[in-house]
C-alpha atoms as a PDB file:
ATOM      1  CA  UNK A   1      19.726 -64.994  30.942  1.00  0.00           C
ATOM      2  CA  UNK A   2      19.307 -64.881  27.211  1.00  0.00           C
ATOM      3  CA  UNK A   3      21.387 -61.211  25.718  1.00  0.00           C
ATOM      4  CA  UNK A   4      18.345 -59.998  23.981  1.00  0.00           C
ATOM      5  CA  UNK A   5      16.335 -59.715  27.179  1.00  0.00           C
ATOM      6  CA  UNK A   6      19.091 -58.185  29.187  1.00  0.00           C
ATOM      7  CA  UNK A   7      19.217 -55.467  26.366  1.00  0.00           C
ATOM      8  CA  UNK A   8      15.259 -54.943  26.798  1.00  0.00           C
ATOM      9  CA  UNK A   9      15.399 -54.357  30.347  1.00  0.00           C
ATOM     10  CA  UNK A  10      18.366 -52.169  29.971  1.00  0.00           C
ATOM     11  CA  UNK A  11      16.463 -50.059  27.563  1.00  0.00           C
ATOM     12  CA  UNK A  12      13.223 -49.989  29.755  1.00  0.00           C
ATOM     13  CA  UNK A  13      15.629 -48.782  32.699  1.00  0.00           C
ATOM     14  CA  UNK A  14      17.138 -46.135  30.372  1.00  0.00           C
ATOM     15  CA  UNK A  15      13.866 -44.783  29.546  1.00  0.00           C
ATOM     16  CA  UNK A  16      12.471 -44.593  33.072  1.00  0.00           C
ATOM     17  CA  UNK A  17      15.832 -42.717  34.426  1.00  0.00           C
ATOM     18  CA  UNK A  18      16.023 -40.266  31.356  1.00  0.00           C
ATOM     19  CA  UNK A  19      13.869 -37.356  31.767  1.00  0.00           C
ATOM     20  CA  UNK A  20      12.937 -35.473  28.310  1.00  0.00           C
ATOM     21  CA  UNK A  21      13.350 -31.597  28.821  1.00  0.00           C
ATOM     22  CA  UNK A  22      13.520 -31.870  32.221  1.00  0.00           C
ATOM     23  CA  UNK A  23      11.260 -30.548  34.784  1.00  0.00           C
ATOM     24  CA  UNK A  24       9.847 -27.246  34.434  1.00  0.00           C
ATOM     25  CA  UNK A  25      11.528 -24.406  36.445  1.00  0.00           C
ATOM     26  CA  UNK A  26       9.506 -21.482  37.500  1.00  0.00           C
ATOM     27  CA  UNK A  27      11.575 -19.194  35.084  1.00  0.00           C
ATOM     28  CA  UNK A  28      10.787 -21.487  32.306  1.00  0.00           C
ATOM     29  CA  UNK A  29       7.091 -21.356  33.085  1.00  0.00           C
ATOM     30  CA  UNK A  30       7.004 -17.507  33.068  1.00  0.00           C
ATOM     31  CA  UNK A  31       8.737 -17.275  29.878  1.00  0.00           C
ATOM     32  CA  UNK A  32       6.168 -20.176  27.838  1.00  0.00           C
ATOM     33  CA  UNK A  33       3.426 -18.031  29.257  1.00  0.00           C
ATOM     34  CA  UNK A  34       4.833 -14.701  28.111  1.00  0.00           C
ATOM     35  CA  UNK A  35       5.976 -16.461  24.571  1.00  0.00           C
ATOM     36  CA  UNK A  36       2.070 -17.546  24.381  1.00  0.00           C
ATOM     37  CA  UNK A  37       0.827 -13.995  25.297  1.00  0.00           C
ATOM     38  CA  UNK A  38       3.138 -12.485  22.654  1.00  0.00           C
ATOM     39  CA  UNK A  39       2.052 -15.188  20.045  1.00  0.00           C
ATOM     40  CA  UNK A  40      -1.591 -14.406  20.840  1.00  0.00           C
ATOM     41  CA  UNK A  41      -1.078 -10.824  20.111  1.00  0.00           C
ATOM     42  CA  UNK A  42       0.730 -10.787  17.144  1.00  0.00           C
ATOM     43  CA  UNK A  43      -1.966 -13.556  15.710  1.00  0.00           C
ATOM     44  CA  UNK A  44      -4.951 -10.970  17.385  1.00  0.00           C
ATOM     45  CA  UNK A  45      -3.131  -7.659  15.773  1.00  0.00           C
ATOM     46  CA  UNK A  46      -2.876  -9.137  12.180  1.00  0.00           C
ATOM     47  CA  UNK A  47      -6.350  -9.865  12.419  1.00  0.00           C
ATOM     48  CA  UNK A  48      -7.447  -6.887  13.535  1.00  0.00           C
ATOM     49  CA  UNK A  49      -5.172  -5.140  10.825  1.00  0.00           C
ATOM     50  CA  UNK A  50      -7.122  -7.205   8.518  1.00  0.00           C
ATOM     51  CA  UNK A  51     -10.241  -6.232   9.479  1.00  0.00           C
ATOM     52  CA  UNK A  52      -9.158  -2.399   9.535  1.00  0.00           C
ATOM     53  CA  UNK A  53      -8.271  -2.766   6.018  1.00  0.00           C
ATOM     54  CA  UNK A  54     -11.295  -4.740   4.972  1.00  0.00           C
ATOM     55  CA  UNK A  55     -13.631  -2.158   6.490  1.00  0.00           C
ATOM     56  CA  UNK A  56     -11.639   0.440   5.049  1.00  0.00           C
ATOM     57  CA  UNK A  57     -11.801  -0.900   1.473  1.00  0.00           C
ATOM     58  CA  UNK A  58     -15.594  -1.161   1.746  1.00  0.00           C
ATOM     59  CA  UNK A  59     -15.758   2.540   2.994  1.00  0.00           C
ATOM     60  CA  UNK A  60     -14.068   3.432  -0.233  1.00  0.00           C
ATOM     61  CA  UNK A  61     -15.880   1.474  -2.410  1.00  0.00           C
ATOM     62  CA  UNK A  62     -18.948   3.132  -0.918  1.00  0.00           C
ATOM     63  CA  UNK A  63     -17.744   6.486  -1.382  1.00  0.00           C
ATOM     64  CA  UNK A  64     -16.723   5.380  -5.068  1.00  0.00           C
ATOM     65  CA  UNK A  65     -20.700   4.755  -6.056  1.00  0.00           C
ATOM     66  CA  UNK A  66     -21.730   7.599  -4.707  1.00  0.00           C
ATOM     67  CA  UNK A  67     -19.098   9.643  -6.773  1.00  0.00           C
ATOM     68  CA  UNK A  68     -20.047   8.152 -10.110  1.00  0.00           C
ATOM     69  CA  UNK A  69     -21.239  11.382 -11.344  1.00  0.00           C
ATOM     70  CA  UNK A  70     -18.169  12.933 -10.906  1.00  0.00           C
ATOM     71  CA  UNK A  71     -16.132  10.816 -13.718  1.00  0.00           C
ATOM     72  CA  UNK A  72     -17.893  12.632 -16.475  1.00  0.00           C
ATOM     73  CA  UNK A  73     -15.746  15.494 -15.617  1.00  0.00           C
ATOM     74  CA  UNK A  74     -12.639  13.257 -15.780  1.00  0.00           C
ATOM     75  CA  UNK A  75      -9.884  14.664 -18.587  1.00  0.00           C
ATOM     76  CA  UNK A  76      -8.313  12.187 -21.084  1.00  0.00           C
ATOM     77  CA  UNK A  77      -4.939  13.722 -21.940  1.00  0.00           C
ATOM     78  CA  UNK A  78      -3.132  13.419 -24.943  1.00  0.00           C
ATOM     79  CA  UNK A  79      -0.580   9.955 -25.296  1.00  0.00           C
ATOM     80  CA  UNK A  80       2.876  11.184 -25.116  1.00  0.00           C
ATOM     81  CA  UNK A  81       3.994   8.212 -24.984  1.00  0.00           C
ATOM     82  CA  UNK A  82       6.073   5.673 -22.657  1.00  0.00           C
ATOM     83  CA  UNK A  83       9.781   5.808 -23.589  1.00  0.00           C
ATOM     84  CA  UNK A  84      12.571   6.313 -21.195  1.00  0.00           C
ATOM     85  CA  UNK A  85      14.740   8.906 -20.444  1.00  0.00           C
ATOM     86  CA  UNK A  86      18.840   8.404 -19.801  1.00  0.00           C
ATOM     87  CA  UNK A  87      19.979   8.162 -16.546  1.00  0.00           C
ATOM     88  CA  UNK A  88      20.302  11.872 -15.194  1.00  0.00           C
ATOM     89  CA  UNK A  89      18.093  13.092 -18.244  1.00  0.00           C
ATOM     90  CA  UNK A  90      15.256  15.821 -16.841  1.00  0.00           C
ATOM     91  CA  UNK A  91      11.995  16.517 -18.921  1.00  0.00           C
ATOM     92  CA  UNK A  92      10.124  19.494 -19.125  1.00  0.00           C
ATOM     93  CA  UNK A  93       6.192  18.051 -19.693  1.00  0.00           C
ATOM     94  CA  UNK A  94       3.613  20.543 -21.098  1.00  0.00           C
ATOM     95  CA  UNK A  95       1.241  19.795 -18.296  1.00  0.00           C
ATOM     96  CA  UNK A  96       2.080  20.608 -14.504  1.00  0.00           C
ATOM     97  CA  UNK A  97       0.398  17.237 -13.912  1.00  0.00           C
ATOM     98  CA  UNK A  98       1.817  15.001 -16.686  1.00  0.00           C
ATOM     99  CA  UNK A  99       0.170  11.862 -17.134  1.00  0.00           C
ATOM    100  CA  UNK A 100       2.188  10.138 -20.065  1.00  0.00           C
ATOM    101  CA  UNK A 101       5.108  10.656 -21.877  1.00  0.00           C
ATOM    102  CA  UNK A 102       9.148   9.799 -21.503  1.00  0.00           C
ATOM    103  CA  UNK A 103       9.756   9.143 -17.932  1.00  0.00           C
ATOM    104  CA  UNK A 104      12.645   8.191 -15.326  1.00  0.00           C
ATOM    105  CA  UNK A 105      13.623   4.508 -15.171  1.00  0.00           C
ATOM    106  CA  UNK A 106      12.890   5.079 -11.339  1.00  0.00           C
ATOM    107  CA  UNK A 107       9.410   5.287 -10.084  1.00  0.00           C
ATOM    108  CA  UNK A 108       8.216   6.926  -6.660  1.00  0.00           C
ATOM    109  CA  UNK A 109       6.705   4.210  -4.669  1.00  0.00           C
ATOM    110  CA  UNK A 110       3.202   4.425  -3.024  1.00  0.00           C
ATOM    111  CA  UNK A 111       2.788   6.278  -0.115  1.00  0.00           C
ATOM    112  CA  UNK A 112       2.437   9.949   1.175  1.00  0.00           C
ATOM    113  CA  UNK A 113       4.902  12.306   0.664  1.00  0.00           C
ATOM    114  CA  UNK A 114       5.066  16.155   2.557  1.00  0.00           C
ATOM    115  CA  UNK A 115       7.915  17.203  -0.106  1.00  0.00           C
ATOM    116  CA  UNK A 116       7.050  17.586  -4.007  1.00  0.00           C
ATOM    117  CA  UNK A 117       8.515  14.482  -6.248  1.00  0.00           C
ATOM    118  CA  UNK A 118      10.142  14.627  -9.494  1.00  0.00           C
ATOM    119  CA  UNK A 119       7.530  14.894 -12.143  1.00  0.00           C
ATOM    120  CA  UNK A 120       9.682  12.078 -14.033  1.00  0.00           C
ATOM    121  CA  UNK A 121       9.030   9.492 -11.384  1.00  0.00           C
ATOM    122  CA  UNK A 122       5.653  10.330 -10.837  1.00  0.00           C
ATOM    123  CA  UNK A 123       5.111   9.175 -14.418  1.00  0.00           C
ATOM    124  CA  UNK A 124       6.517   6.210 -13.936  1.00  0.00           C
ATOM    125  CA  UNK A 125       4.256   5.506 -11.123  1.00  0.00           C
ATOM    126  CA  UNK A 126       1.395   6.045 -13.377  1.00  0.00           C
ATOM    127  CA  UNK A 127       2.253   3.822 -16.138  1.00  0.00           C
ATOM    128  CA  UNK A 128       2.696   1.130 -13.272  1.00  0.00           C
ATOM    129  CA  UNK A 129      -0.859   1.689 -12.663  1.00  0.00           C
ATOM    130  CA  UNK A 130      -0.725   3.874  -9.411  1.00  0.00           C
ATOM    131  CA  UNK A 131      -3.163   6.940  -9.329  1.00  0.00           C
ATOM    132  CA  UNK A 132      -1.388  10.172  -8.087  1.00  0.00           C
ATOM    133  CA  UNK A 133      -2.843  12.896  -6.304  1.00  0.00           C
ATOM    134  CA  UNK A 134      -1.000  16.469  -5.822  1.00  0.00           C
ATOM    135  CA  UNK A 135      -2.499  18.103  -2.876  1.00  0.00           C
ATOM    136  CA  UNK A 136      -1.405  21.584  -1.602  1.00  0.00           C
ATOM    137  CA  UNK A 137      -2.624  23.407   1.868  1.00  0.00           C
ATOM    138  CA  UNK A 138      -6.406  21.706   1.867  1.00  0.00           C
ATOM    139  CA  UNK A 139      -7.999  21.397   5.773  1.00  0.00           C
ATOM    140  CA  UNK A 140      -6.564  18.681   7.903  1.00  0.00           C
ATOM    141  CA  UNK A 141      -9.479  16.165   7.704  1.00  0.00           C
ATOM    142  CA  UNK A 142      -8.425  15.814   3.863  1.00  0.00           C
ATOM    143  CA  UNK A 143      -4.597  15.331   4.772  1.00  0.00           C
ATOM    144  CA  UNK A 144      -5.706  12.557   6.791  1.00  0.00           C
ATOM    145  CA  UNK A 145      -8.151  11.390   4.031  1.00  0.00           C
ATOM    146  CA  UNK A 146      -5.208  11.024   1.743  1.00  0.00           C
ATOM    147  CA  UNK A 147      -2.835   9.869   4.062  1.00  0.00           C
ATOM    148  CA  UNK A 148      -5.509   7.100   4.834  1.00  0.00           C
ATOM    149  CA  UNK A 149      -5.779   6.072   1.101  1.00  0.00           C
ATOM    150  CA  UNK A 150      -1.936   6.192   0.684  1.00  0.00           C
ATOM    151  CA  UNK A 151      -1.568   3.400   3.818  1.00  0.00           C
ATOM    152  CA  UNK A 152      -4.629   1.373   2.274  1.00  0.00           C
ATOM    153  CA  UNK A 153      -3.326   0.921  -1.154  1.00  0.00           C
ATOM    154  CA  UNK A 154       0.223   0.318  -1.327  1.00  0.00           C
ATOM    155  CA  UNK A 155       0.910  -2.061  -3.913  1.00  0.00           C
ATOM    156  CA  UNK A 156       3.892  -1.352  -6.921  1.00  0.00           C
ATOM    157  CA  UNK A 157       0.995  -2.182  -9.605  1.00  0.00           C
ATOM    158  CA  UNK A 158      -2.550  -0.276  -8.266  1.00  0.00           C
ATOM    159  CA  UNK A 159      -0.917   1.672  -5.225  1.00  0.00           C
ATOM    160  CA  UNK A 160      -1.945   5.440  -4.371  1.00  0.00           C
ATOM    161  CA  UNK A 161       1.057   8.010  -4.309  1.00  0.00           C
ATOM    162  CA  UNK A 162       0.027  11.345  -2.702  1.00  0.00           C
ATOM    163  CA  UNK A 163       2.125  14.281  -3.145  1.00  0.00           C
ATOM    164  CA  UNK A 164       2.901  17.952  -2.293  1.00  0.00           C
ATOM    165  CA  UNK A 165       2.257  20.778  -4.730  1.00  0.00           C
ATOM    166  CA  UNK A 166       2.690  24.035  -2.989  1.00  0.00           C
ATOM    167  CA  UNK A 167       1.118  25.744  -6.003  1.00  0.00           C
ATOM    168  CA  UNK A 168      -1.701  24.617  -4.984  1.00  0.00           C
ATOM    169  CA  UNK A 169      -4.164  25.567  -2.287  1.00  0.00           C
ATOM    170  CA  UNK A 170      -7.233  23.949  -1.076  1.00  0.00           C
ATOM    171  CA  UNK A 171      -7.593  21.989  -4.770  1.00  0.00           C
ATOM    172  CA  UNK A 172      -6.873  18.391  -5.113  1.00  0.00           C
ATOM    173  CA  UNK A 173      -5.628  16.912  -8.469  1.00  0.00           C
ATOM    174  CA  UNK A 174      -6.036  13.353  -9.150  1.00  0.00           C
ATOM    175  CA  UNK A 175      -4.092  11.659 -11.903  1.00  0.00           C
ATOM    176  CA  UNK A 176      -3.540   8.420 -13.296  1.00  0.00           C
ATOM    177  CA  UNK A 177      -2.271   7.058 -16.947  1.00  0.00           C
ATOM    178  CA  UNK A 178      -3.887   9.854 -19.104  1.00  0.00           C
ATOM    179  CA  UNK A 179      -6.397  10.802 -16.853  1.00  0.00           C
ATOM    180  CA  UNK A 180      -7.108  13.611 -14.774  1.00  0.00           C
ATOM    181  CA  UNK A 181      -9.419  15.115 -12.248  1.00  0.00           C
ATOM    182  CA  UNK A 182      -9.287  18.620 -10.493  1.00  0.00           C
ATOM    183  CA  UNK A 183     -11.037  18.762  -7.218  1.00  0.00           C
ATOM    184  CA  UNK A 184     -11.650  22.377  -5.928  1.00  0.00           C
ATOM    185  CA  UNK A 185     -13.020  22.217  -3.150  1.00  0.00           C
ATOM    186  CA  UNK A 186     -12.010  18.467  -2.226  1.00  0.00           C
ATOM    187  CA  UNK A 187     -14.523  16.278  -2.763  1.00  0.00           C
ATOM    188  CA  UNK A 188     -13.839  12.517  -1.178  1.00  0.00           C
ATOM    189  CA  UNK A 189     -16.424  10.543  -3.045  1.00  0.00           C
ATOM    190  CA  UNK A 190     -15.490  12.226  -6.454  1.00  0.00           C
ATOM    191  CA  UNK A 191     -11.948  10.994  -5.328  1.00  0.00           C
ATOM    192  CA  UNK A 192     -12.941   7.837  -4.244  1.00  0.00           C
ATOM    193  CA  UNK A 193     -14.523   7.028  -7.640  1.00  0.00           C
ATOM    194  CA  UNK A 194     -11.546   7.996  -9.723  1.00  0.00           C
ATOM    195  CA  UNK A 195      -9.376   5.743  -7.648  1.00  0.00           C
ATOM    196  CA  UNK A 196     -11.930   3.086  -8.285  1.00  0.00           C
ATOM    197  CA  UNK A 197     -12.184   3.376 -11.707  1.00  0.00           C
ATOM    198  CA  UNK A 198      -8.287   4.027 -12.637  1.00  0.00           C
ATOM    199  CA  UNK A 199      -6.171   2.080 -10.075  1.00  0.00           C
ATOM    200  CA  UNK A 200      -4.378  -0.396 -11.344  1.00  0.00           C
ATOM    201  CA  UNK A 201      -4.979   0.075 -14.973  1.00  0.00           C
ATOM    202  CA  UNK A 202      -1.743   1.232 -16.206  1.00  0.00           C
ATOM    203  CA  UNK A 203      -0.335   0.243 -19.332  1.00  0.00           C
ATOM    204  CA  UNK A 204       2.793  -1.414 -18.194  1.00  0.00           C
ATOM    205  CA  UNK A 205       0.619  -4.576 -15.840  1.00  0.00           C
ATOM    206  CA  UNK A 206      -2.859  -4.097 -15.724  1.00  0.00           C
ATOM    207  CA  UNK A 207      -4.296  -5.983 -12.609  1.00  0.00           C
ATOM    208  CA  UNK A 208      -7.454  -4.650 -12.429  1.00  0.00           C
END
C-alpha cells in the first residue's frame, strides 16, 4: 500500500477518535448558561443605564429652555487671572464664591460633596469648564436634584461639582468661569439654564 494512502487513513482515523472539547457535562452546561445569563444582564444593564442617561440629559435640556429668562440675572465677575499657586500656598479671594484668579494645581473632580471643598481647587475646576454649585440646607428634593446632576455630568472638562457651604441656608449659588447666579429659593429651571449655558466652556479647554 502506498505510504500516502496510509497516512491519509491514519489522519482520518485520528480525527474520528479525537473529541474536540469533550462531551459537555451537566456542570459545564450550567456554567455556560450562567455565563450567558451574566452577559445578557451586563449588556442589558448597560443599555438601561445609557437610556436613563439620555432621558436625564433631555430632561435637563427641557428645563434649561424653561429657565432661559434667568440668564439675564447672571453676574459676570471681573477677570482675576489664571495663575497657579505654589504647592501648599493658599489664597484669600475677594469673593466667597470666586470664579477666576490664581489657583491650586489640583482641582476638585466633578461629583457631589457633603463637605466644603478648597476654594483654590474649585477655581481650577471652573477653569476646566466645570460648573461649581454651592448648597447649604435646602429641601431634600433640591439635594436629590443637585446630586443627580453631579452624577449625570462627570466629565473633566464639562462636569458639575456640587459642594457644601454651611453659610448658605435654602439658597443655592451656581458658578462657572467668571459667571455667578444666586438662587434663593432654588429654581431648577434657572439652574438648568445656567448649567447648559456655561458647562464645558472654561478657558483651559472649551469642549462645547
